[in-house]
Amino acid sequence: LDEYAFGGLKAGARGFLLKDAQPSELTAAIRAVA
């Protein structure tokens, strides 16, 4: 649905995940970004 979400990376986001990511994928991304 969110075809313009790529703009979030250009706006300064450090990570990008789909909402259906597995819990392990979510927590690993948070630790990596932190």
PDB file of all heavy atoms in Angstrom:
ATOM      1  N   LEU A   1       0.810  -1.208   0.000  1.00  0.00           N
ATOM      2  CA  LEU A   1       0.000   0.000   0.000  1.00  0.00           C
ATOM      3  C   LEU A   1       0.848   1.265   0.000  1.00  0.00           C
ATOM      4  O   LEU A   1       0.474   2.273  -0.568  1.00  0.00           O
ATOM      5  CB  LEU A   1      -0.913   0.017   1.238  1.00  0.00           C
ATOM      6  CG  LEU A   1      -1.941  -1.107   1.328  1.00  0.00           C
ATOM      7  CD1 LEU A   1      -2.681  -1.033   2.650  1.00  0.00           C
ATOM      8  CD2 LEU A   1      -2.924  -1.016   0.175  1.00  0.00           C
ATOM      9  N   ASP A   2       2.011   1.197   0.635  1.00  0.00           N
ATOM     10  CA  ASP A   2       2.807   2.395   0.873  1.00  0.00           C
ATOM     11  C   ASP A   2       3.940   2.532  -0.137  1.00  0.00           C
ATOM     12  O   ASP A   2       5.104   2.338   0.176  1.00  0.00           O
ATOM     13  CB  ASP A   2       3.373   2.369   2.299  1.00  0.00           C
ATOM     14  CG  ASP A   2       2.270   2.229   3.335  1.00  0.00           C
ATOM     15  OD1 ASP A   2       1.186   2.757   3.116  1.00  0.00           O
ATOM     16  OD2 ASP A   2       2.509   1.575   4.347  1.00  0.00           O
ATOM     17  N   GLU A   3       3.584   2.880  -1.360  1.00  0.00           N
ATOM     18  CA  GLU A   3       4.586   2.929  -2.426  1.00  0.00           C
ATOM     19  C   GLU A   3       5.584   4.056  -2.253  1.00  0.00           C
ATOM     20  O   GLU A   3       6.637   4.059  -2.875  1.00  0.00           O
ATOM     21  CB  GLU A   3       3.891   3.037  -3.786  1.00  0.00           C
ATOM     22  CG  GLU A   3       3.053   1.804  -4.121  1.00  0.00           C
ATOM     23  CD  GLU A   3       2.588   1.806  -5.558  1.00  0.00           C
ATOM     24  OE1 GLU A   3       2.920   2.761  -6.278  1.00  0.00           O
ATOM     25  OE2 GLU A   3       1.892   0.852  -5.938  1.00  0.00           O
ATOM     26  N   TYR A   4       5.265   5.027  -1.398  1.00  0.00           N
ATOM     27  CA  TYR A   4       6.182   6.148  -1.214  1.00  0.00           C
ATOM     28  C   TYR A   4       7.019   5.997   0.052  1.00  0.00           C
ATOM     29  O   TYR A   4       7.716   6.918   0.457  1.00  0.00           O
ATOM     30  CB  TYR A   4       5.395   7.458  -1.182  1.00  0.00           C
ATOM     31  CG  TYR A   4       4.661   7.708  -2.475  1.00  0.00           C
ATOM     32  CD1 TYR A   4       3.304   7.466  -2.580  1.00  0.00           C
ATOM     33  CD2 TYR A   4       5.348   8.146  -3.612  1.00  0.00           C
ATOM     34  CE1 TYR A   4       2.634   7.661  -3.782  1.00  0.00           C
ATOM     35  CE2 TYR A   4       4.681   8.342  -4.823  1.00  0.00           C
ATOM     36  CZ  TYR A   4       3.327   8.100  -4.894  1.00  0.00           C
ATOM     37  OH  TYR A   4       2.674   8.286  -6.087  1.00  0.00           O
ATOM     38  N   ALA A   5       6.966   4.821   0.655  1.00  0.00           N
ATOM     39  CA  ALA A   5       7.699   4.609   1.893  1.00  0.00           C
ATOM     40  C   ALA A   5       9.206   4.700   1.687  1.00  0.00           C
ATOM     41  O   ALA A   5       9.951   4.988   2.628  1.00  0.00           O
ATOM     42  CB  ALA A   5       7.341   3.240   2.478  1.00  0.00           C
ATOM     43  N   PHE A   6       9.676   4.462   0.468  1.00  0.00           N
ATOM     44  CA  PHE A   6      11.096   4.604   0.153  1.00  0.00           C
ATOM     45  C   PHE A   6      11.603   5.991   0.550  1.00  0.00           C
ATOM     46  O   PHE A   6      12.760   6.172   0.921  1.00  0.00           O
ATOM     47  CB  PHE A   6      11.290   4.386  -1.346  1.00  0.00           C
ATOM     48  CG  PHE A   6      12.710   4.488  -1.828  1.00  0.00           C
ATOM     49  CD1 PHE A   6      13.676   3.591  -1.415  1.00  0.00           C
ATOM     50  CD2 PHE A   6      13.064   5.478  -2.730  1.00  0.00           C
ATOM     51  CE1 PHE A   6      14.982   3.686  -1.891  1.00  0.00           C
ATOM     52  CE2 PHE A   6      14.365   5.574  -3.212  1.00  0.00           C
ATOM     53  CZ  PHE A   6      15.318   4.669  -2.779  1.00  0.00           C
ATOM     54  N   GLY A   7      10.710   6.974   0.492  1.00  0.00           N
ATOM     55  CA  GLY A   7      11.080   8.327   0.878  1.00  0.00           C
ATOM     56  C   GLY A   7      11.526   8.412   2.317  1.00  0.00           C
ATOM     57  O   GLY A   7      12.265   9.331   2.687  1.00  0.00           O
ATOM     58  N   GLY A   8      11.098   7.472   3.142  1.00  0.00           N
ATOM     59  CA  GLY A   8      11.514   7.465   4.537  1.00  0.00           C
ATOM     60  C   GLY A   8      13.010   7.277   4.692  1.00  0.00           C
ATOM     61  O   GLY A   8      13.642   7.871   5.577  1.00  0.00           O
ATOM     62  N   LEU A   9      13.593   6.446   3.832  1.00  0.00           N
ATOM     63  CA  LEU A   9      15.035   6.244   3.874  1.00  0.00           C
ATOM     64  C   LEU A   9      15.751   7.533   3.481  1.00  0.00           C
ATOM     65  O   LEU A   9      16.746   7.920   4.092  1.00  0.00           O
ATOM     66  CB  LEU A   9      15.441   5.109   2.932  1.00  0.00           C
ATOM     67  CG  LEU A   9      14.941   3.714   3.310  1.00  0.00           C
ATOM     68  CD1 LEU A   9      15.376   2.707   2.250  1.00  0.00           C
ATOM     69  CD2 LEU A   9      15.447   3.297   4.668  1.00  0.00           C
ATOM     70  N   LYS A  10      15.232   8.188   2.466  1.00  0.00           N
ATOM     71  CA  LYS A  10      15.849   9.436   2.035  1.00  0.00           C
ATOM     72  C   LYS A  10      15.664  10.531   3.082  1.00  0.00           C
ATOM     73  O   LYS A  10      16.446  11.480   3.145  1.00  0.00           O
ATOM     74  CB  LYS A  10      15.257   9.883   0.702  1.00  0.00           C
ATOM     75  CG  LYS A  10      15.518   8.894  -0.433  1.00  0.00           C
ATOM     76  CD  LYS A  10      15.034   9.417  -1.753  1.00  0.00           C
ATOM     77  CE  LYS A  10      15.916  10.542  -2.247  1.00  0.00           C
ATOM     78  NZ  LYS A  10      15.527  11.008  -3.604  1.00  0.00           N
ATOM     79  N   ALA A  11      14.623  10.391   3.905  1.00  0.00           N
ATOM     80  CA  ALA A  11      14.366  11.382   4.949  1.00  0.00           C
ATOM     81  C   ALA A  11      15.273  11.188   6.162  1.00  0.00           C
ATOM     82  O   ALA A  11      15.274  12.019   7.058  1.00  0.00           O
ATOM     83  CB  ALA A  11      12.897  11.321   5.380  1.00  0.00           C
ATOM     84  N   GLY A  12      16.017  10.086   6.186  1.00  0.00           N
ATOM     85  CA  GLY A  12      16.961   9.893   7.280  1.00  0.00           C
ATOM     86  C   GLY A  12      16.785   8.631   8.096  1.00  0.00           C
ATOM     87  O   GLY A  12      17.509   8.420   9.073  1.00  0.00           O
ATOM     88  N   ALA A  13      15.825   7.777   7.724  1.00  0.00           N
ATOM     89  CA  ALA A  13      15.636   6.529   8.471  1.00  0.00           C
ATOM     90  C   ALA A  13      16.855   5.630   8.330  1.00  0.00           C
ATOM     91  O   ALA A  13      17.538   5.644   7.303  1.00  0.00           O
ATOM     92  CB  ALA A  13      14.387   5.795   7.976  1.00  0.00           C
ATOM     93  N   ARG A  14      17.131   4.863   9.364  1.00  0.00           N
ATOM     94  CA  ARG A  14      18.282   3.965   9.361  1.00  0.00           C
ATOM     95  C   ARG A  14      17.905   2.524   9.046  1.00  0.00           C
ATOM     96  O   ARG A  14      18.769   1.680   8.864  1.00  0.00           O
ATOM     97  CB  ARG A  14      18.971   3.999  10.730  1.00  0.00           C
ATOM     98  CG  ARG A  14      19.568   5.346  11.091  1.00  0.00           C
ATOM     99  CD  ARG A  14      20.722   5.703  10.171  1.00  0.00           C
ATOM    100  NE  ARG A  14      21.411   6.907  10.610  1.00  0.00           N
ATOM    101  CZ  ARG A  14      22.462   6.919  11.417  1.00  0.00           C
ATOM    102  NH1 ARG A  14      22.948   5.780  11.881  1.00  0.00           N
ATOM    103  NH2 ARG A  14      23.031   8.041  11.778  1.00  0.00           N
ATOM    104  N   GLY A  15      16.618   2.247   9.001  1.00  0.00           N
ATOM    105  CA  GLY A  15      16.186   0.881   8.731  1.00  0.00           C
ATOM    106  C   GLY A  15      14.827   0.871   8.066  1.00  0.00           C
ATOM    107  O   GLY A  15      14.110   1.878   8.045  1.00  0.00           O
ATOM    108  N   PHE A  16      14.479  -0.275   7.509  1.00  0.00           N
ATOM    109  CA  PHE A  16      13.248  -0.399   6.745  1.00  0.00           C
ATOM    110  C   PHE A  16      12.753  -1.832   6.891  1.00  0.00           C
ATOM    111  O   PHE A  16      13.443  -2.766   6.502  1.00  0.00           O
ATOM    112  CB  PHE A  16      13.551  -0.092   5.280  1.00  0.00           C
ATOM    113  CG  PHE A  16      12.379   0.390   4.496  1.00  0.00           C
ATOM    114  CD1 PHE A  16      12.329   1.696   4.053  1.00  0.00           C
ATOM    115  CD2 PHE A  16      11.329  -0.456   4.196  1.00  0.00           C
ATOM    116  CE1 PHE A  16      11.241   2.150   3.306  1.00  0.00           C
ATOM    117  CE2 PHE A  16      10.257  -0.021   3.464  1.00  0.00           C
ATOM    118  CZ  PHE A  16      10.213   1.300   3.023  1.00  0.00           C
ATOM    119  N   LEU A  17      11.574  -2.007   7.471  1.00  0.00           N
ATOM    120  CA  LEU A  17      11.035  -3.346   7.693  1.00  0.00           C
ATOM    121  C   LEU A  17       9.585  -3.425   7.237  1.00  0.00           C
ATOM    122  O   LEU A  17       8.839  -2.450   7.328  1.00  0.00           O
ATOM    123  CB  LEU A  17      11.091  -3.716   9.176  1.00  0.00           C
ATOM    124  CG  LEU A  17      12.426  -4.128   9.787  1.00  0.00           C
ATOM    125  CD1 LEU A  17      12.244  -4.342  11.283  1.00  0.00           C
ATOM    126  CD2 LEU A  17      12.963  -5.400   9.136  1.00  0.00           C
ATOM    127  N   LEU A  18       9.197  -4.593   6.769  1.00  0.00           N
ATOM    128  CA  LEU A  18       7.792  -4.849   6.497  1.00  0.00           C
ATOM    129  C   LEU A  18       7.093  -5.179   7.813  1.00  0.00           C
ATOM    130  O   LEU A  18       7.682  -5.753   8.727  1.00  0.00           O
ATOM    131  CB  LEU A  18       7.642  -6.012   5.521  1.00  0.00           C
ATOM    132  CG  LEU A  18       8.310  -5.831   4.159  1.00  0.00           C
ATOM    133  CD1 LEU A  18       8.029  -7.042   3.281  1.00  0.00           C
ATOM    134  CD2 LEU A  18       7.853  -4.554   3.479  1.00  0.00           C
ATOM    135  N   LYS A  19       5.815  -4.805   7.908  1.00  0.00           N
ATOM    136  CA  LYS A  19       5.088  -4.999   9.162  1.00  0.00           C
ATOM    137  C   LYS A  19       4.907  -6.465   9.529  1.00  0.00           C
ATOM    138  O   LYS A  19       4.659  -6.790  10.690  1.00  0.00           O
ATOM    139  CB  LYS A  19       3.727  -4.307   9.083  1.00  0.00           C
ATOM    140  CG  LYS A  19       3.816  -2.790   9.144  1.00  0.00           C
ATOM    141  CD  LYS A  19       2.432  -2.184   9.137  1.00  0.00           C
ATOM    142  CE  LYS A  19       2.508  -0.671   9.220  1.00  0.00           C
ATOM    143  NZ  LYS A  19       1.158  -0.058   9.189  1.00  0.00           N
ATOM    144  N   ASP A  20       5.014  -7.346   8.540  1.00  0.00           N
ATOM    145  CA  ASP A  20       4.856  -8.769   8.849  1.00  0.00           C
ATOM    146  C   ASP A  20       6.191  -9.448   9.141  1.00  0.00           C
ATOM    147  O   ASP A  20       6.303 -10.670   9.122  1.00  0.00           O
ATOM    148  CB  ASP A  20       4.132  -9.496   7.721  1.00  0.00           C
ATOM    149  CG  ASP A  20       4.922  -9.473   6.407  1.00  0.00           C
ATOM    150  OD1 ASP A  20       5.979  -8.805   6.335  1.00  0.00           O
ATOM    151  OD2 ASP A  20       4.472 -10.134   5.448  1.00  0.00           O
ATOM    152  N   ALA A  21       7.219  -8.643   9.436  1.00  0.00           N
ATOM    153  CA  ALA A  21       8.528  -9.209   9.780  1.00  0.00           C
ATOM    154  C   ALA A  21       8.405 -10.088  11.013  1.00  0.00           C
ATOM    155  O   ALA A  21       7.604  -9.827  11.915  1.00  0.00           O
ATOM    156  CB  ALA A  21       9.529  -8.083  10.038  1.00  0.00           C
ATOM    157  N   GLN A  22       9.192 -11.153  11.051  1.00  0.00           N
ATOM    158  CA  GLN A  22       9.210 -12.030  12.212  1.00  0.00           C
ATOM    159  C   GLN A  22       9.770 -11.274  13.420  1.00  0.00           C
ATOM    160  O   GLN A  22      10.594 -10.368  13.272  1.00  0.00           O
ATOM    161  CB  GLN A  22      10.071 -13.263  11.927  1.00  0.00           C
ATOM    162  CG  GLN A  22       9.522 -14.169  10.849  1.00  0.00           C
ATOM    163  CD  GLN A  22       8.180 -14.758  11.228  1.00  0.00           C
ATOM    164  OE1 GLN A  22       8.000 -15.278  12.336  1.00  0.00           O
ATOM    165  NE2 GLN A  22       7.216 -14.674  10.325  1.00  0.00           N
ATOM    166  N   PRO A  23       9.328 -11.635  14.636  1.00  0.00           N
ATOM    167  CA  PRO A  23       9.848 -10.963  15.834  1.00  0.00           C
ATOM    168  C   PRO A  23      11.370 -10.938  15.902  1.00  0.00           C
ATOM    169  O   PRO A  23      11.957  -9.922  16.286  1.00  0.00           O
ATOM    170  CB  PRO A  23       9.252 -11.791  16.987  1.00  0.00           C
ATOM    171  CG  PRO A  23       7.965 -12.306  16.425  1.00  0.00           C
ATOM    172  CD  PRO A  23       8.267 -12.609  14.984  1.00  0.00           C
ATOM    173  N   SER A  24      12.017 -12.024  15.505  1.00  0.00           N
ATOM    174  CA  SER A  24      13.479 -12.072  15.539  1.00  0.00           C
ATOM    175  C   SER A  24      14.083 -11.077  14.564  1.00  0.00           C
ATOM    176  O   SER A  24      15.134 -10.470  14.828  1.00  0.00           O
ATOM    177  CB  SER A  24      13.974 -13.484  15.216  1.00  0.00           C
ATOM    178  OG  SER A  24      13.531 -13.898  13.932  1.00  0.00           O
ATOM    179  N   GLU A  25      13.425 -10.891  13.403  1.00  0.00           N
ATOM    180  CA  GLU A  25      13.896  -9.929  12.407  1.00  0.00           C
ATOM    181  C   GLU A  25      13.741  -8.506  12.930  1.00  0.00           C
ATOM    182  O   GLU A  25      14.622  -7.657  12.749  1.00  0.00           O
ATOM    183  CB  GLU A  25      13.115 -10.103  11.105  1.00  0.00           C
ATOM    184  CG  GLU A  25      13.633  -9.267   9.941  1.00  0.00           C
ATOM    185  CD  GLU A  25      12.838  -9.496   8.664  1.00  0.00           C
ATOM    186  OE1 GLU A  25      11.861 -10.280   8.681  1.00  0.00           O
ATOM    187  OE2 GLU A  25      13.185  -8.879   7.638  1.00  0.00           O
ATOM    188  N   LEU A  26      12.621  -8.250  13.608  1.00  0.00           N
ATOM    189  CA  LEU A  26      12.366  -6.928  14.170  1.00  0.00           C
ATOM    190  C   LEU A  26      13.386  -6.580  15.250  1.00  0.00           C
ATOM    191  O   LEU A  26      13.987  -5.498  15.223  1.00  0.00           O
ATOM    192  CB  LEU A  26      10.953  -6.885  14.758  1.00  0.00           C
ATOM    193  CG  LEU A  26      10.568  -5.611  15.506  1.00  0.00           C
ATOM    194  CD1 LEU A  26      10.524  -4.420  14.566  1.00  0.00           C
ATOM    195  CD2 LEU A  26       9.207  -5.798  16.190  1.00  0.00           C
ATOM    196  N   THR A  27      13.590  -7.501  16.193  1.00  0.00           N
ATOM    197  CA  THR A  27      14.517  -7.211  17.285  1.00  0.00           C
ATOM    198  C   THR A  27      15.953  -7.105  16.791  1.00  0.00           C
ATOM    199  O   THR A  27      16.725  -6.279  17.286  1.00  0.00           O
ATOM    200  CB  THR A  27      14.420  -8.281  18.378  1.00  0.00           C
ATOM    201  OG1 THR A  27      14.625  -9.591  17.808  1.00  0.00           O
ATOM    202  CG2 THR A  27      13.053  -8.257  19.047  1.00  0.00           C
ATOM    203  N   ALA A  28      16.319  -7.914  15.791  1.00  0.00           N
ATOM    204  CA  ALA A  28      17.673  -7.831  15.237  1.00  0.00           C
ATOM    205  C   ALA A  28      17.886  -6.484  14.554  1.00  0.00           C
ATOM    206  O   ALA A  28      18.957  -5.878  14.675  1.00  0.00           O
ATOM    207  CB  ALA A  28      17.906  -8.966  14.241  1.00  0.00           C
ATOM    208  N   ALA A  29      16.868  -5.991  13.851  1.00  0.00           N
ATOM    209  CA  ALA A  29      16.975  -4.698  13.177  1.00  0.00           C
ATOM    210  C   ALA A  29      17.129  -3.575  14.192  1.00  0.00           C
ATOM    211  O   ALA A  29      17.936  -2.664  14.007  1.00  0.00           O
ATOM    212  CB  ALA A  29      15.745  -4.463  12.313  1.00  0.00           C
ATOM    213  N   ILE A  30      16.376  -3.637  15.277  1.00  0.00           N
ATOM    214  CA  ILE A  30      16.464  -2.598  16.313  1.00  0.00           C
ATOM    215  C   ILE A  30      17.853  -2.596  16.929  1.00  0.00           C
ATOM    216  O   ILE A  30      18.465  -1.535  17.115  1.00  0.00           O
ATOM    217  CB  ILE A  30      15.393  -2.818  17.397  1.00  0.00           C
ATOM    218  CG1 ILE A  30      14.004  -2.579  16.803  1.00  0.00           C
ATOM    219  CG2 ILE A  30      15.629  -1.893  18.588  1.00  0.00           C
ATOM    220  CD1 ILE A  30      12.871  -2.941  17.734  1.00  0.00           C
ATOM    221  N   ARG A  31      18.387  -3.775  17.228  1.00  0.00           N
ATOM    222  CA  ARG A  31      19.725  -3.841  17.832  1.00  0.00           C
ATOM    223  C   ARG A  31      20.786  -3.322  16.866  1.00  0.00           C
ATOM    224  O   ARG A  31      21.720  -2.641  17.262  1.00  0.00           O
ATOM    225  CB  ARG A  31      20.037  -5.275  18.260  1.00  0.00           C
ATOM    226  CG  ARG A  31      19.204  -5.743  19.446  1.00  0.00           C
ATOM    227  CD  ARG A  31      19.694  -7.077  20.007  1.00  0.00           C
ATOM    228  NE  ARG A  31      18.917  -7.445  21.179  1.00  0.00           N
ATOM    229  CZ  ARG A  31      17.871  -8.261  21.159  1.00  0.00           C
ATOM    230  NH1 ARG A  31      17.485  -8.805  20.005  1.00  0.00           N
ATOM    231  NH2 ARG A  31      17.202  -8.540  22.269  1.00  0.00           N
ATOM    232  N   ALA A  32      20.639  -3.669  15.581  1.00  0.00           N
ATOM    233  CA  ALA A  32      21.612  -3.210  14.587  1.00  0.00           C
ATOM    234  C   ALA A  32      21.591  -1.690  14.466  1.00  0.00           C
ATOM    235  O   ALA A  32      22.634  -1.028  14.476  1.00  0.00           O
ATOM    236  CB  ALA A  32      21.317  -3.853  13.227  1.00  0.00           C
ATOM    237  N   VAL A  33      20.395  -1.132  14.379  1.00  0.00           N
ATOM    238  CA  VAL A  33      20.258   0.314  14.231  1.00  0.00           C
ATOM    239  C   VAL A  33      20.724   1.029  15.500  1.00  0.00           C
ATOM    240  O   VAL A  33      21.383   2.066  15.437  1.00  0.00           O
ATOM    241  CB  VAL A  33      18.792   0.669  13.889  1.00  0.00           C
ATOM    242  CG1 VAL A  33      18.545   2.157  14.033  1.00  0.00           C
ATOM    243  CG2 VAL A  33      18.468   0.216  12.472  1.00  0.00           C
ATOM    244  N   ALA A  34      20.403   0.472  16.661  1.00  0.00           N
ATOM    245  CA  ALA A  34      20.820   1.084  17.927  1.00  0.00           C
ATOM    246  C   ALA A  34      22.336   1.109  18.059  1.00  0.00           C
ATOM    247  O   ALA A  34      22.890   2.014  18.693  1.00  0.00           O
ATOM    248  CB  ALA A  34      20.201   0.331  19.105  1.00  0.00           C
TER     249      ALA A  34
END
